[in-house]
Amino acid sequence: MSNYRNNSSIKNWAEDDRPREKFILKGRSVLSDAELLAIQLGSGSRYESALDLAKRILASVSGSYTKLARLSVEELVNFNGVGEAKAINILSALEIGRRRKFSADEDSLIISSSKKIFDLFSYQLRDVEHEEFWCLFLSNSNKILRKENISKGGLTSTVVDVRLILKRAVLLSATSMILVHNHPSGSIKPSQADISLTKKIKEASDILDISLLDHLIMGDDKYFSFADENML
């Protein structure tokens, strides 16, 4: 057995090995953000340890994993000690975390509040740098029948086909639906186009006796609910 494993003092371990050994001996929950990132890095450079490199990377994004996830491979390799493989490793780990949050059992989820809608979409839309428009089609008991991406657009807008939304609702025998889209800018204030589109969809769905329950606009870690603001 190697010598450092016989020594119980973390300070005597090789610096790049300390986060991994701490993980094994004390569990994942005790590790700091920098230590978890250091494990993904695996090693540092000749000038600094993996832990110091991890601290430097996190400092550049104000300690935010959300901002870190928005970096590209090209931006990460600008850090001395981070090659393409390490950059991909970091972004892959962050994507796994996002998908884990997003892959909750949606089939049994009952929508009862705007907060539940936000929780359902927050990790999926948080790091998206273009607008996406989604629709939740619901049963009579507000159980999700289908969650569908209606369109993807640019930085400030996306084209939404109202007929497509209503066609999907009829085919699924939905009794109600909820609209969700993101603002990459982070602002959650509805634009005049957002307001007009919501009114147009509501008027069309009312004719088919399909209720429009809400329209959420999401930006960063916050949201705007048309229903909560009595704008439906």
C-alpha atoms as a PDB file:
ATOM      1  CA  MET A   1       0.000   0.000   0.000  1.00  0.00           C
ATOM      2  CA  SER A   2       1.317   3.455  -0.881  1.00  0.00           C
ATOM      3  CA  ASN A   3       2.790   5.500   1.952  1.00  0.00           C
ATOM      4  CA  TYR A   4       0.327   8.416   1.860  1.00  0.00           C
ATOM      5  CA  ARG A   5      -2.633   6.085   2.457  1.00  0.00           C
ATOM      6  CA  ASN A   6      -1.041   4.980   5.713  1.00  0.00           C
ATOM      7  CA  ASN A   7      -0.832   8.536   6.956  1.00  0.00           C
ATOM      8  CA  SER A   8      -4.082   9.813   8.505  1.00  0.00           C
ATOM      9  CA  SER A   9      -3.167  13.504   8.184  1.00  0.00           C
ATOM     10  CA  ILE A  10      -4.583  15.104   5.047  1.00  0.00           C
ATOM     11  CA  LYS A  11      -1.891  17.772   5.125  1.00  0.00           C
ATOM     12  CA  ASN A  12       0.742  15.109   4.447  1.00  0.00           C
ATOM     13  CA  TRP A  13      -0.925  13.847   1.265  1.00  0.00           C
ATOM     14  CA  ALA A  14       0.158  15.060  -2.169  1.00  0.00           C
ATOM     15  CA  GLU A  15      -1.820  18.260  -2.749  1.00  0.00           C
ATOM     16  CA  ASP A  16      -3.591  17.020  -5.891  1.00  0.00           C
ATOM     17  CA  ASP A  17      -4.692  13.882  -4.018  1.00  0.00           C
ATOM     18  CA  ARG A  18      -6.209  15.617  -0.999  1.00  0.00           C
ATOM     19  CA  PRO A  19      -9.730  16.272  -2.390  1.00  0.00           C
ATOM     20  CA  ARG A  20     -10.029  12.666  -3.624  1.00  0.00           C
ATOM     21  CA  GLU A  21      -8.826  11.211  -0.338  1.00  0.00           C
ATOM     22  CA  LYS A  22     -11.085  13.538   1.616  1.00  0.00           C
ATOM     23  CA  PHE A  23     -13.990  12.334  -0.544  1.00  0.00           C
ATOM     24  CA  ILE A  24     -13.187   8.706   0.308  1.00  0.00           C
ATOM     25  CA  LEU A  25     -12.613   9.231   4.043  1.00  0.00           C
ATOM     26  CA  LYS A  26     -15.225  11.863   4.869  1.00  0.00           C
ATOM     27  CA  GLY A  27     -17.816  11.740   2.069  1.00  0.00           C
ATOM     28  CA  ARG A  28     -18.794  14.039  -0.769  1.00  0.00           C
ATOM     29  CA  SER A  29     -20.923  16.410   1.292  1.00  0.00           C
ATOM     30  CA  VAL A  30     -17.955  17.827   3.221  1.00  0.00           C
ATOM     31  CA  LEU A  31     -16.057  18.891   0.109  1.00  0.00           C
ATOM     32  CA  SER A  32     -16.008  22.543  -0.883  1.00  0.00           C
ATOM     33  CA  ASP A  33     -16.933  23.683  -4.388  1.00  0.00           C
ATOM     34  CA  ALA A  34     -13.249  24.128  -5.189  1.00  0.00           C
ATOM     35  CA  GLU A  35     -12.417  20.618  -3.971  1.00  0.00           C
ATOM     36  CA  LEU A  36     -15.167  19.083  -6.112  1.00  0.00           C
ATOM     37  CA  LEU A  37     -13.915  21.004  -9.134  1.00  0.00           C
ATOM     38  CA  ALA A  38     -10.326  19.953  -8.373  1.00  0.00           C
ATOM     39  CA  ILE A  39     -11.404  16.317  -8.596  1.00  0.00           C
ATOM     40  CA  GLN A  40     -12.808  16.973 -12.071  1.00  0.00           C
ATOM     41  CA  LEU A  41      -9.540  18.629 -13.059  1.00  0.00           C
ATOM     42  CA  GLY A  42      -7.523  15.696 -11.757  1.00  0.00           C
ATOM     43  CA  SER A  43      -4.254  17.607 -11.747  1.00  0.00           C
ATOM     44  CA  GLY A  44      -2.942  21.134 -11.854  1.00  0.00           C
ATOM     45  CA  SER A  45       0.139  22.441 -13.593  1.00  0.00           C
ATOM     46  CA  ARG A  46       3.788  22.821 -12.717  1.00  0.00           C
ATOM     47  CA  TYR A  47       2.904  26.162 -11.152  1.00  0.00           C
ATOM     48  CA  GLU A  48      -0.134  25.287  -9.036  1.00  0.00           C
ATOM     49  CA  SER A  49      -2.093  22.375  -7.639  1.00  0.00           C
ATOM     50  CA  ALA A  50      -5.459  21.230  -8.974  1.00  0.00           C
ATOM     51  CA  LEU A  51      -7.087  22.796  -5.913  1.00  0.00           C
ATOM     52  CA  ASP A  52      -5.451  26.180  -6.502  1.00  0.00           C
ATOM     53  CA  LEU A  53      -6.386  26.006 -10.174  1.00  0.00           C
ATOM     54  CA  ALA A  54      -9.977  25.174  -9.216  1.00  0.00           C
ATOM     55  CA  LYS A  55     -10.086  28.153  -6.846  1.00  0.00           C
ATOM     56  CA  ARG A  56      -8.800  30.429  -9.603  1.00  0.00           C
ATOM     57  CA  ILE A  57     -11.397  29.202 -12.077  1.00  0.00           C
ATOM     58  CA  LEU A  58     -14.228  29.627  -9.571  1.00  0.00           C
ATOM     59  CA  ALA A  59     -13.000  33.103  -8.612  1.00  0.00           C
ATOM     60  CA  SER A  60     -13.280  34.124 -12.276  1.00  0.00           C
ATOM     61  CA  VAL A  61     -17.015  33.321 -12.198  1.00  0.00           C
ATOM     62  CA  SER A  62     -17.632  34.737  -8.708  1.00  0.00           C
ATOM     63  CA  GLY A  63     -17.927  31.217  -7.281  1.00  0.00           C
ATOM     64  CA  SER A  64     -21.016  30.481  -9.386  1.00  0.00           C
ATOM     65  CA  TYR A  65     -21.451  27.048 -10.942  1.00  0.00           C
ATOM     66  CA  THR A  66     -24.221  28.581 -13.063  1.00  0.00           C
ATOM     67  CA  LYS A  67     -21.740  31.011 -14.640  1.00  0.00           C
ATOM     68  CA  LEU A  68     -19.126  28.269 -14.922  1.00  0.00           C
ATOM     69  CA  ALA A  69     -21.566  26.108 -16.889  1.00  0.00           C
ATOM     70  CA  ARG A  70     -21.971  28.920 -19.399  1.00  0.00           C
ATOM     71  CA  LEU A  71     -18.286  28.937 -20.294  1.00  0.00           C
ATOM     72  CA  SER A  72     -17.220  27.236 -23.490  1.00  0.00           C
ATOM     73  CA  VAL A  73     -14.387  24.760 -23.912  1.00  0.00           C
ATOM     74  CA  GLU A  74     -12.429  27.527 -25.633  1.00  0.00           C
ATOM     75  CA  GLU A  75     -12.855  29.847 -22.640  1.00  0.00           C
ATOM     76  CA  LEU A  76     -11.823  27.183 -20.127  1.00  0.00           C
ATOM     77  CA  VAL A  77      -8.627  26.238 -21.952  1.00  0.00           C
ATOM     78  CA  ASN A  78      -7.486  29.832 -21.542  1.00  0.00           C
ATOM     79  CA  PHE A  79      -6.704  28.931 -17.930  1.00  0.00           C
ATOM     80  CA  ASN A  80      -3.116  27.730 -17.660  1.00  0.00           C
ATOM     81  CA  GLY A  81      -3.298  24.058 -16.658  1.00  0.00           C
ATOM     82  CA  VAL A  82      -6.630  23.363 -18.381  1.00  0.00           C
ATOM     83  CA  GLY A  83      -6.495  21.472 -21.652  1.00  0.00           C
ATOM     84  CA  GLU A  84      -9.381  20.441 -23.860  1.00  0.00           C
ATOM     85  CA  ALA A  85      -9.864  17.124 -22.035  1.00  0.00           C
ATOM     86  CA  LYS A  86     -10.115  18.826 -18.638  1.00  0.00           C
ATOM     87  CA  ALA A  87     -12.488  21.454 -19.998  1.00  0.00           C
ATOM     88  CA  ILE A  88     -14.769  18.793 -21.452  1.00  0.00           C
ATOM     89  CA  ASN A  89     -14.624  16.865 -18.172  1.00  0.00           C
ATOM     90  CA  ILE A  90     -15.762  19.931 -16.194  1.00  0.00           C
ATOM     91  CA  LEU A  91     -18.599  20.835 -18.551  1.00  0.00           C
ATOM     92  CA  SER A  92     -19.745  17.212 -18.786  1.00  0.00           C
ATOM     93  CA  ALA A  93     -19.992  16.966 -14.984  1.00  0.00           C
ATOM     94  CA  LEU A  94     -22.037  20.175 -14.862  1.00  0.00           C
ATOM     95  CA  GLU A  95     -24.319  18.882 -17.623  1.00  0.00           C
ATOM     96  CA  ILE A  96     -24.873  15.630 -15.702  1.00  0.00           C
ATOM     97  CA  GLY A  97     -25.933  17.680 -12.679  1.00  0.00           C
ATOM     98  CA  ARG A  98     -28.319  19.740 -14.812  1.00  0.00           C
ATOM     99  CA  ARG A  99     -29.886  16.660 -16.363  1.00  0.00           C
ATOM    100  CA  ARG A 100     -30.209  14.927 -12.990  1.00  0.00           C
ATOM    101  CA  LYS A 101     -32.246  17.844 -11.703  1.00  0.00           C
ATOM    102  CA  PHE A 102     -34.276  17.933 -14.889  1.00  0.00           C
ATOM    103  CA  SER A 103     -34.983  14.178 -15.073  1.00  0.00           C
ATOM    104  CA  ALA A 104     -37.352  14.006 -12.119  1.00  0.00           C
ATOM    105  CA  ASP A 105     -40.377  11.790 -12.632  1.00  0.00           C
ATOM    106  CA  GLU A 106     -42.441  14.183 -14.726  1.00  0.00           C
ATOM    107  CA  ASP A 107     -45.084  11.603 -15.552  1.00  0.00           C
ATOM    108  CA  SER A 108     -46.447  11.721 -12.010  1.00  0.00           C
ATOM    109  CA  LEU A 109     -45.974  15.465 -11.459  1.00  0.00           C
ATOM    110  CA  ILE A 110     -49.125  17.466 -10.786  1.00  0.00           C
ATOM    111  CA  ILE A 111     -48.810  21.162 -11.618  1.00  0.00           C
ATOM    112  CA  SER A 112     -50.275  23.151  -8.756  1.00  0.00           C
ATOM    113  CA  SER A 113     -48.324  26.435  -8.763  1.00  0.00           C
ATOM    114  CA  SER A 114     -46.035  28.639 -10.824  1.00  0.00           C
ATOM    115  CA  LYS A 115     -43.149  27.585  -8.558  1.00  0.00           C
ATOM    116  CA  LYS A 116     -43.579  23.960  -9.656  1.00  0.00           C
ATOM    117  CA  ILE A 117     -43.391  25.041 -13.273  1.00  0.00           C
ATOM    118  CA  PHE A 118     -40.254  27.052 -12.544  1.00  0.00           C
ATOM    119  CA  ASP A 119     -38.635  24.104 -10.744  1.00  0.00           C
ATOM    120  CA  LEU A 120     -39.447  21.849 -13.678  1.00  0.00           C
ATOM    121  CA  PHE A 121     -37.727  24.105 -16.202  1.00  0.00           C
ATOM    122  CA  SER A 122     -35.102  25.989 -14.188  1.00  0.00           C
ATOM    123  CA  TYR A 123     -32.137  23.711 -14.784  1.00  0.00           C
ATOM    124  CA  GLN A 124     -33.055  23.109 -18.392  1.00  0.00           C
ATOM    125  CA  LEU A 125     -33.319  26.769 -19.398  1.00  0.00           C
ATOM    126  CA  ARG A 126     -30.905  28.398 -16.951  1.00  0.00           C
ATOM    127  CA  ASP A 127     -27.796  28.204 -19.141  1.00  0.00           C
ATOM    128  CA  VAL A 128     -29.458  28.469 -22.560  1.00  0.00           C
ATOM    129  CA  GLU A 129     -28.133  31.466 -24.504  1.00  0.00           C
ATOM    130  CA  HIS A 130     -30.992  31.629 -27.007  1.00  0.00           C
ATOM    131  CA  GLU A 131     -34.753  31.866 -26.566  1.00  0.00           C
ATOM    132  CA  GLU A 132     -36.743  28.652 -26.330  1.00  0.00           C
ATOM    133  CA  PHE A 133     -40.525  28.374 -26.173  1.00  0.00           C
ATOM    134  CA  TRP A 134     -42.074  25.357 -24.444  1.00  0.00           C
ATOM    135  CA  CYS A 135     -45.592  24.176 -23.747  1.00  0.00           C
ATOM    136  CA  LEU A 136     -46.932  21.894 -21.043  1.00  0.00           C
ATOM    137  CA  PHE A 137     -50.074  20.037 -22.071  1.00  0.00           C
ATOM    138  CA  LEU A 138     -52.122  18.954 -19.057  1.00  0.00           C
ATOM    139  CA  SER A 139     -54.942  16.579 -18.223  1.00  0.00           C
ATOM    140  CA  ASN A 140     -58.093  17.511 -16.327  1.00  0.00           C
ATOM    141  CA  SER A 141     -56.244  16.837 -13.047  1.00  0.00           C
ATOM    142  CA  ASN A 142     -53.290  19.044 -14.103  1.00  0.00           C
ATOM    143  CA  LYS A 143     -51.076  16.033 -14.709  1.00  0.00           C
ATOM    144  CA  ILE A 144     -48.492  16.519 -17.445  1.00  0.00           C
ATOM    145  CA  LEU A 145     -49.458  14.769 -20.677  1.00  0.00           C
ATOM    146  CA  ARG A 146     -46.565  16.129 -22.688  1.00  0.00           C
ATOM    147  CA  LYS A 147     -43.807  18.699 -22.373  1.00  0.00           C
ATOM    148  CA  GLU A 148     -42.879  19.957 -25.805  1.00  0.00           C
ATOM    149  CA  ASN A 149     -40.365  22.394 -27.243  1.00  0.00           C
ATOM    150  CA  ILE A 150     -42.361  24.535 -29.676  1.00  0.00           C
ATOM    151  CA  SER A 151     -39.526  26.637 -31.053  1.00  0.00           C
ATOM    152  CA  LYS A 152     -35.942  27.847 -30.634  1.00  0.00           C
ATOM    153  CA  GLY A 153     -34.765  31.271 -31.672  1.00  0.00           C
ATOM    154  CA  GLY A 154     -32.063  33.862 -31.253  1.00  0.00           C
ATOM    155  CA  LEU A 155     -30.882  36.006 -28.381  1.00  0.00           C
ATOM    156  CA  THR A 156     -34.017  38.131 -28.174  1.00  0.00           C
ATOM    157  CA  SER A 157     -36.895  36.287 -29.816  1.00  0.00           C
ATOM    158  CA  THR A 158     -38.285  33.081 -31.256  1.00  0.00           C
ATOM    159  CA  VAL A 159     -41.126  32.407 -33.687  1.00  0.00           C
ATOM    160  CA  VAL A 160     -44.185  30.686 -32.202  1.00  0.00           C
ATOM    161  CA  ASP A 161     -46.834  29.026 -34.360  1.00  0.00           C
ATOM    162  CA  VAL A 162     -50.117  29.266 -32.441  1.00  0.00           C
ATOM    163  CA  ARG A 163     -51.765  26.713 -34.748  1.00  0.00           C
ATOM    164  CA  LEU A 164     -49.096  24.146 -33.910  1.00  0.00           C
ATOM    165  CA  ILE A 165     -49.700  24.586 -30.179  1.00  0.00           C
ATOM    166  CA  LEU A 166     -53.448  24.130 -30.518  1.00  0.00           C
ATOM    167  CA  LYS A 167     -53.054  21.163 -32.870  1.00  0.00           C
ATOM    168  CA  ARG A 168     -50.831  19.395 -30.312  1.00  0.00           C
ATOM    169  CA  ALA A 169     -53.293  20.184 -27.512  1.00  0.00           C
ATOM    170  CA  VAL A 170     -56.192  18.669 -29.464  1.00  0.00           C
ATOM    171  CA  LEU A 171     -54.223  15.558 -30.474  1.00  0.00           C
ATOM    172  CA  LEU A 172     -53.239  14.971 -26.840  1.00  0.00           C
ATOM    173  CA  SER A 173     -56.787  15.628 -25.594  1.00  0.00           C
ATOM    174  CA  ALA A 174     -55.349  18.236 -23.248  1.00  0.00           C
ATOM    175  CA  THR A 175     -57.815  20.218 -21.174  1.00  0.00           C
ATOM    176  CA  SER A 176     -55.320  22.917 -20.258  1.00  0.00           C
ATOM    177  CA  MET A 177     -51.829  24.110 -21.052  1.00  0.00           C
ATOM    178  CA  ILE A 178     -49.006  26.264 -19.757  1.00  0.00           C
ATOM    179  CA  LEU A 179     -46.538  28.317 -21.793  1.00  0.00           C
ATOM    180  CA  VAL A 180     -42.891  28.725 -20.783  1.00  0.00           C
ATOM    181  CA  HIS A 181     -40.077  30.635 -22.417  1.00  0.00           C
ATOM    182  CA  ASN A 182     -36.767  32.105 -21.336  1.00  0.00           C
ATOM    183  CA  HIS A 183     -35.102  35.482 -21.682  1.00  0.00           C
ATOM    184  CA  PRO A 184     -31.331  34.918 -22.123  1.00  0.00           C
ATOM    185  CA  SER A 185     -30.719  38.502 -20.966  1.00  0.00           C
ATOM    186  CA  GLY A 186     -31.918  37.520 -17.485  1.00  0.00           C
ATOM    187  CA  SER A 187     -34.748  40.061 -17.510  1.00  0.00           C
ATOM    188  CA  ILE A 188     -38.145  38.591 -16.699  1.00  0.00           C
ATOM    189  CA  LYS A 189     -40.192  41.637 -17.668  1.00  0.00           C
ATOM    190  CA  PRO A 190     -42.668  40.631 -20.396  1.00  0.00           C
ATOM    191  CA  SER A 191     -42.242  42.469 -23.677  1.00  0.00           C
ATOM    192  CA  GLN A 192     -45.206  43.802 -25.605  1.00  0.00           C
ATOM    193  CA  ALA A 193     -44.697  40.877 -27.983  1.00  0.00           C
ATOM    194  CA  ASP A 194     -44.909  38.450 -25.036  1.00  0.00           C
ATOM    195  CA  ILE A 195     -48.152  40.044 -23.862  1.00  0.00           C
ATOM    196  CA  SER A 196     -49.682  40.048 -27.349  1.00  0.00           C
ATOM    197  CA  LEU A 197     -48.719  36.419 -27.989  1.00  0.00           C
ATOM    198  CA  THR A 198     -50.180  35.304 -24.666  1.00  0.00           C
ATOM    199  CA  LYS A 199     -53.453  37.087 -25.420  1.00  0.00           C
ATOM    200  CA  LYS A 200     -53.577  35.564 -28.911  1.00  0.00           C
ATOM    201  CA  ILE A 201     -53.008  32.010 -27.619  1.00  0.00           C
ATOM    202  CA  LYS A 202     -55.551  32.447 -24.827  1.00  0.00           C
ATOM    203  CA  GLU A 203     -58.252  33.706 -27.189  1.00  0.00           C
ATOM    204  CA  ALA A 204     -57.620  30.816 -29.598  1.00  0.00           C
ATOM    205  CA  SER A 205     -57.530  28.165 -26.851  1.00  0.00           C
ATOM    206  CA  ASP A 206     -60.743  29.473 -25.282  1.00  0.00           C
ATOM    207  CA  ILE A 207     -62.574  28.758 -28.542  1.00  0.00           C
ATOM    208  CA  LEU A 208     -61.496  25.113 -28.236  1.00  0.00           C
ATOM    209  CA  ASP A 209     -62.404  25.013 -24.529  1.00  0.00           C
ATOM    210  CA  ILE A 210     -58.748  24.515 -23.567  1.00  0.00           C
ATOM    211  CA  SER A 211     -57.641  26.589 -20.589  1.00  0.00           C
ATOM    212  CA  LEU A 212     -54.421  28.571 -20.675  1.00  0.00           C
ATOM    213  CA  LEU A 213     -53.368  28.332 -17.021  1.00  0.00           C
ATOM    214  CA  ASP A 214     -50.157  30.344 -17.096  1.00  0.00           C
ATOM    215  CA  HIS A 215     -47.265  31.726 -19.091  1.00  0.00           C
ATOM    216  CA  LEU A 216     -43.890  31.817 -17.368  1.00  0.00           C
ATOM    217  CA  ILE A 217     -40.964  33.957 -18.457  1.00  0.00           C
ATOM    218  CA  MET A 218     -37.696  32.706 -16.979  1.00  0.00           C
ATOM    219  CA  GLY A 219     -34.421  34.538 -16.531  1.00  0.00           C
ATOM    220  CA  ASP A 220     -31.475  33.333 -14.434  1.00  0.00           C
ATOM    221  CA  ASP A 221     -32.912  32.196 -11.069  1.00  0.00           C
ATOM    222  CA  LYS A 222     -36.211  34.078 -11.224  1.00  0.00           C
ATOM    223  CA  TYR A 223     -39.437  34.059 -13.170  1.00  0.00           C
ATOM    224  CA  PHE A 224     -42.520  36.074 -14.096  1.00  0.00           C
ATOM    225  CA  SER A 225     -45.940  34.417 -13.992  1.00  0.00           C
ATOM    226  CA  PHE A 226     -48.799  35.901 -16.025  1.00  0.00           C
ATOM    227  CA  ALA A 227     -51.261  34.052 -13.775  1.00  0.00           C
ATOM    228  CA  ASP A 228     -49.706  35.293 -10.535  1.00  0.00           C
ATOM    229  CA  GLU A 229     -49.808  38.852 -11.878  1.00  0.00           C
ATOM    230  CA  ASN A 230     -53.464  38.496 -13.004  1.00  0.00           C
ATOM    231  CA  MET A 231     -52.538  39.072 -16.629  1.00  0.00           C
ATOM    232  CA  LEU A 232     -54.488  36.165 -18.132  1.00  0.00           C
END
